Amino acid sequence: MLFTKSTAYALQALIELSKYDKPIDVNTLSQNTDIPKPFLAKLLQNLSKKNIIKSFKGIHGGFLLQKKPQDIKIIDIFKTIEDKDSLVFYCSSNADNCTRGRSSICSTLPFFTKLENEVEKVIQKYTLEDVIRMRADK
């Protein structure tokens, strides 16, 4: 899996943001999530650029979810934060991504492509609300 700590942190930040109906500043988010502020600020900027969250400037500025948690897909968060289309292996979503230029004779590409398609089907189903609910059900 190509999910990294960045995606986990982004999910944690979005879960925290879902608790508020007014903008929350990066300092508060950093303290509440225990995510280093500089790292969190970069993640929030990326999420804002892709309209997953809103950014507000000024003394009462901060961040707020752009959409309801049920309308934020996990796949969109992943693709925003990881900046990759592949969920499983770097070339599994596109044979042209083969760094060796050998996709036509690659013996593992069919497996990774099938795995990629299956994983994407599953990930497509989940939203931020699902993640929040899983935490609450724990």
C-alpha atoms as a PDB file:
ATOM      1  CA  MET A   1       0.000   0.000   0.000  1.00  0.00           C
ATOM      2  CA  LEU A   2       1.200   3.468  -0.775  1.00  0.00           C
ATOM      3  CA  PHE A   3      -0.737   5.083   2.053  1.00  0.00           C
ATOM      4  CA  THR A   4       1.727   6.989   4.206  1.00  0.00           C
ATOM      5  CA  LYS A   5       1.793   8.842   7.489  1.00  0.00           C
ATOM      6  CA  SER A   6       0.761  11.932   5.516  1.00  0.00           C
ATOM      7  CA  THR A   7      -2.578  10.381   4.603  1.00  0.00           C
ATOM      8  CA  ALA A   8      -3.103   9.158   8.169  1.00  0.00           C
ATOM      9  CA  TYR A   9      -2.380  12.660   9.491  1.00  0.00           C
ATOM     10  CA  ALA A  10      -4.703  14.220   6.911  1.00  0.00           C
ATOM     11  CA  LEU A  11      -7.495  11.873   8.004  1.00  0.00           C
ATOM     12  CA  GLN A  12      -6.864  12.723  11.657  1.00  0.00           C
ATOM     13  CA  ALA A  13      -6.991  16.446  10.876  1.00  0.00           C
ATOM     14  CA  LEU A  14     -10.204  16.075   8.858  1.00  0.00           C
ATOM     15  CA  ILE A  15     -11.819  14.062  11.644  1.00  0.00           C
ATOM     16  CA  GLU A  16     -10.911  16.832  14.080  1.00  0.00           C
ATOM     17  CA  LEU A  17     -12.247  19.511  11.706  1.00  0.00           C
ATOM     18  CA  SER A  18     -15.530  17.618  11.420  1.00  0.00           C
ATOM     19  CA  LYS A  19     -16.192  18.423  15.083  1.00  0.00           C
ATOM     20  CA  TYR A  20     -16.427  22.157  14.417  1.00  0.00           C
ATOM     21  CA  ASP A  21     -18.816  24.478  12.590  1.00  0.00           C
ATOM     22  CA  LYS A  22     -16.399  27.415  12.608  1.00  0.00           C
ATOM     23  CA  PRO A  23     -12.821  27.713  11.308  1.00  0.00           C
ATOM     24  CA  ILE A  24     -10.150  26.164  13.521  1.00  0.00           C
ATOM     25  CA  ASP A  25      -6.592  27.506  13.421  1.00  0.00           C
ATOM     26  CA  VAL A  26      -3.603  25.305  12.668  1.00  0.00           C
ATOM     27  CA  ASN A  27      -2.214  25.714  16.216  1.00  0.00           C
ATOM     28  CA  THR A  28      -5.369  24.281  17.767  1.00  0.00           C
ATOM     29  CA  LEU A  29      -5.514  21.482  15.202  1.00  0.00           C
ATOM     30  CA  SER A  30      -1.874  20.653  15.819  1.00  0.00           C
ATOM     31  CA  GLN A  31      -2.402  20.499  19.577  1.00  0.00           C
ATOM     32  CA  ASN A  32      -5.628  18.482  19.324  1.00  0.00           C
ATOM     33  CA  THR A  33      -4.190  15.925  16.900  1.00  0.00           C
ATOM     34  CA  ASP A  34      -0.564  15.867  18.067  1.00  0.00           C
ATOM     35  CA  ILE A  35       0.563  16.447  14.484  1.00  0.00           C
ATOM     36  CA  PRO A  36       3.620  18.701  14.068  1.00  0.00           C
ATOM     37  CA  LYS A  37       2.397  22.161  13.051  1.00  0.00           C
ATOM     38  CA  PRO A  38       4.638  22.671   9.953  1.00  0.00           C
ATOM     39  CA  PHE A  39       3.706  19.247   8.594  1.00  0.00           C
ATOM     40  CA  LEU A  40       0.030  19.810   9.325  1.00  0.00           C
ATOM     41  CA  ALA A  41       0.058  23.254   7.706  1.00  0.00           C
ATOM     42  CA  LYS A  42       1.386  21.750   4.462  1.00  0.00           C
ATOM     43  CA  LEU A  43      -1.273  19.008   4.486  1.00  0.00           C
ATOM     44  CA  LEU A  44      -4.023  21.560   5.112  1.00  0.00           C
ATOM     45  CA  GLN A  45      -2.814  23.725   2.225  1.00  0.00           C
ATOM     46  CA  ASN A  46      -2.999  20.738  -0.135  1.00  0.00           C
ATOM     47  CA  LEU A  47      -6.478  19.808   1.089  1.00  0.00           C
ATOM     48  CA  SER A  48      -7.581  23.417   0.647  1.00  0.00           C
ATOM     49  CA  LYS A  49      -6.265  23.601  -2.931  1.00  0.00           C
ATOM     50  CA  LYS A  50      -8.385  20.563  -3.820  1.00  0.00           C
ATOM     51  CA  ASN A  51     -11.507  22.027  -2.153  1.00  0.00           C
ATOM     52  CA  ILE A  52     -11.717  19.369   0.539  1.00  0.00           C
ATOM     53  CA  ILE A  53     -11.441  22.071   3.196  1.00  0.00           C
ATOM     54  CA  LYS A  54     -11.872  25.855   3.211  1.00  0.00           C
ATOM     55  CA  SER A  55      -9.135  28.205   4.331  1.00  0.00           C
ATOM     56  CA  PHE A  56      -9.973  31.458   6.121  1.00  0.00           C
ATOM     57  CA  LYS A  57      -7.452  34.245   6.679  1.00  0.00           C
ATOM     58  CA  GLY A  58      -7.300  36.771   9.468  1.00  0.00           C
ATOM     59  CA  ILE A  59      -7.605  36.853  13.219  1.00  0.00           C
ATOM     60  CA  HIS A  60     -10.528  34.413  13.232  1.00  0.00           C
ATOM     61  CA  GLY A  61      -9.087  32.398  10.370  1.00  0.00           C
ATOM     62  CA  GLY A  62      -8.392  28.736  10.143  1.00  0.00           C
ATOM     63  CA  PHE A  63      -9.792  25.730   8.366  1.00  0.00           C
ATOM     64  CA  LEU A  64     -13.224  24.209   7.967  1.00  0.00           C
ATOM     65  CA  LEU A  65     -14.537  21.232   6.007  1.00  0.00           C
ATOM     66  CA  GLN A  66     -15.658  22.273   2.515  1.00  0.00           C
ATOM     67  CA  LYS A  67     -18.236  19.475   2.379  1.00  0.00           C
ATOM     68  CA  LYS A  68     -20.068  17.201   4.775  1.00  0.00           C
ATOM     69  CA  PRO A  69     -18.043  14.161   5.926  1.00  0.00           C
ATOM     70  CA  GLN A  70     -20.322  11.833   3.940  1.00  0.00           C
ATOM     71  CA  ASP A  71     -19.373  13.729   0.763  1.00  0.00           C
ATOM     72  CA  ILE A  72     -15.600  13.489   1.241  1.00  0.00           C
ATOM     73  CA  LYS A  73     -14.246  10.306  -0.317  1.00  0.00           C
ATOM     74  CA  ILE A  74     -11.159   8.646   1.137  1.00  0.00           C
ATOM     75  CA  ILE A  75      -9.832   8.094  -2.391  1.00  0.00           C
ATOM     76  CA  ASP A  76      -9.866  11.871  -2.954  1.00  0.00           C
ATOM     77  CA  ILE A  77      -7.959  12.473   0.263  1.00  0.00           C
ATOM     78  CA  PHE A  78      -5.393   9.849  -0.740  1.00  0.00           C
ATOM     79  CA  LYS A  79      -4.897  11.236  -4.231  1.00  0.00           C
ATOM     80  CA  THR A  80      -4.597  14.785  -2.884  1.00  0.00           C
ATOM     81  CA  ILE A  81      -2.090  13.993  -0.170  1.00  0.00           C
ATOM     82  CA  GLU A  82      -0.050  11.276  -1.858  1.00  0.00           C
ATOM     83  CA  ASP A  83      -0.219  12.942  -5.278  1.00  0.00           C
ATOM     84  CA  LYS A  84      -0.388   9.496  -6.880  1.00  0.00           C
ATOM     85  CA  ASP A  85      -2.991   7.608  -8.819  1.00  0.00           C
ATOM     86  CA  SER A  86      -1.734   4.169  -7.788  1.00  0.00           C
ATOM     87  CA  LEU A  87      -2.961   2.752  -4.519  1.00  0.00           C
ATOM     88  CA  VAL A  88      -0.934  -0.452  -4.633  1.00  0.00           C
ATOM     89  CA  PHE A  89       2.179  -0.248  -6.780  1.00  0.00           C
ATOM     90  CA  TYR A  90       3.656   2.632  -8.740  1.00  0.00           C
ATOM     91  CA  CYS A  91       2.783   1.234 -12.166  1.00  0.00           C
ATOM     92  CA  SER A  92      -0.372  -0.697 -11.336  1.00  0.00           C
ATOM     93  CA  SER A  93      -2.772   2.015 -12.472  1.00  0.00           C
ATOM     94  CA  ASN A  94      -0.916   2.797 -15.696  1.00  0.00           C
ATOM     95  CA  ALA A  95       1.591   0.568 -17.517  1.00  0.00           C
ATOM     96  CA  ASP A  96       3.229   3.720 -18.913  1.00  0.00           C
ATOM     97  CA  ASN A  97       4.508   4.416 -15.378  1.00  0.00           C
ATOM     98  CA  CYS A  98       6.963   1.515 -15.631  1.00  0.00           C
ATOM     99  CA  THR A  99      10.331   3.041 -14.786  1.00  0.00           C
ATOM    100  CA  ARG A 100      12.133   0.353 -16.768  1.00  0.00           C
ATOM    101  CA  GLY A 101       9.942   0.614 -19.880  1.00  0.00           C
ATOM    102  CA  ARG A 102       9.219  -3.101 -19.741  1.00  0.00           C
ATOM    103  CA  SER A 103       5.478  -3.191 -19.071  1.00  0.00           C
ATOM    104  CA  SER A 104       4.827  -5.272 -22.189  1.00  0.00           C
ATOM    105  CA  ILE A 105       6.897  -8.160 -20.799  1.00  0.00           C
ATOM    106  CA  CYS A 106       6.352  -7.610 -17.059  1.00  0.00           C
ATOM    107  CA  SER A 107       5.173 -10.819 -15.442  1.00  0.00           C
ATOM    108  CA  THR A 108       3.768  -9.068 -12.339  1.00  0.00           C
ATOM    109  CA  LEU A 109       1.848  -6.227 -14.018  1.00  0.00           C
ATOM    110  CA  PRO A 110      -1.371  -8.254 -14.535  1.00  0.00           C
ATOM    111  CA  PHE A 111      -1.436  -9.178 -10.838  1.00  0.00           C
ATOM    112  CA  PHE A 112      -0.743  -5.642  -9.618  1.00  0.00           C
ATOM    113  CA  THR A 113      -3.286  -4.201 -12.054  1.00  0.00           C
ATOM    114  CA  LYS A 114      -5.974  -6.607 -10.823  1.00  0.00           C
ATOM    115  CA  LEU A 115      -5.058  -5.872  -7.204  1.00  0.00           C
ATOM    116  CA  GLU A 116      -5.126  -2.127  -7.931  1.00  0.00           C
ATOM    117  CA  ASN A 117      -8.619  -2.389  -9.413  1.00  0.00           C
ATOM    118  CA  GLU A 118      -9.916  -4.398  -6.437  1.00  0.00           C
ATOM    119  CA  VAL A 119      -8.403  -2.057  -3.861  1.00  0.00           C
ATOM    120  CA  GLU A 120      -9.753   0.994  -5.675  1.00  0.00           C
ATOM    121  CA  LYS A 121     -13.268  -0.518  -5.716  1.00  0.00           C
ATOM    122  CA  VAL A 122     -13.105  -0.904  -1.944  1.00  0.00           C
ATOM    123  CA  ILE A 123     -11.544   2.500  -1.229  1.00  0.00           C
ATOM    124  CA  GLN A 124     -14.093   4.249  -3.495  1.00  0.00           C
ATOM    125  CA  LYS A 125     -16.854   3.125  -1.142  1.00  0.00           C
ATOM    126  CA  TYR A 126     -15.466   4.838   1.959  1.00  0.00           C
ATOM    127  CA  THR A 127     -16.014   8.408   3.053  1.00  0.00           C
ATOM    128  CA  LEU A 128     -14.739  10.505   5.919  1.00  0.00           C
ATOM    129  CA  GLU A 129     -18.023   9.823   7.686  1.00  0.00           C
ATOM    130  CA  ASP A 130     -17.326   6.082   7.500  1.00  0.00           C
ATOM    131  CA  VAL A 131     -13.943   6.591   9.157  1.00  0.00           C
ATOM    132  CA  ILE A 132     -15.506   8.768  11.860  1.00  0.00           C
ATOM    133  CA  ARG A 133     -18.204   6.162  12.458  1.00  0.00           C
ATOM    134  CA  MET A 134     -15.645   3.332  12.684  1.00  0.00           C
ATOM    135  CA  ARG A 135     -13.835   5.275  15.402  1.00  0.00           C
ATOM    136  CA  ALA A 136     -17.088   5.826  17.292  1.00  0.00           C
ATOM    137  CA  ASP A 137     -18.033   2.134  17.013  1.00  0.00           C
ATOM    138  CA  LYS A 138     -14.723   1.051  18.525  1.00  0.00           C
END
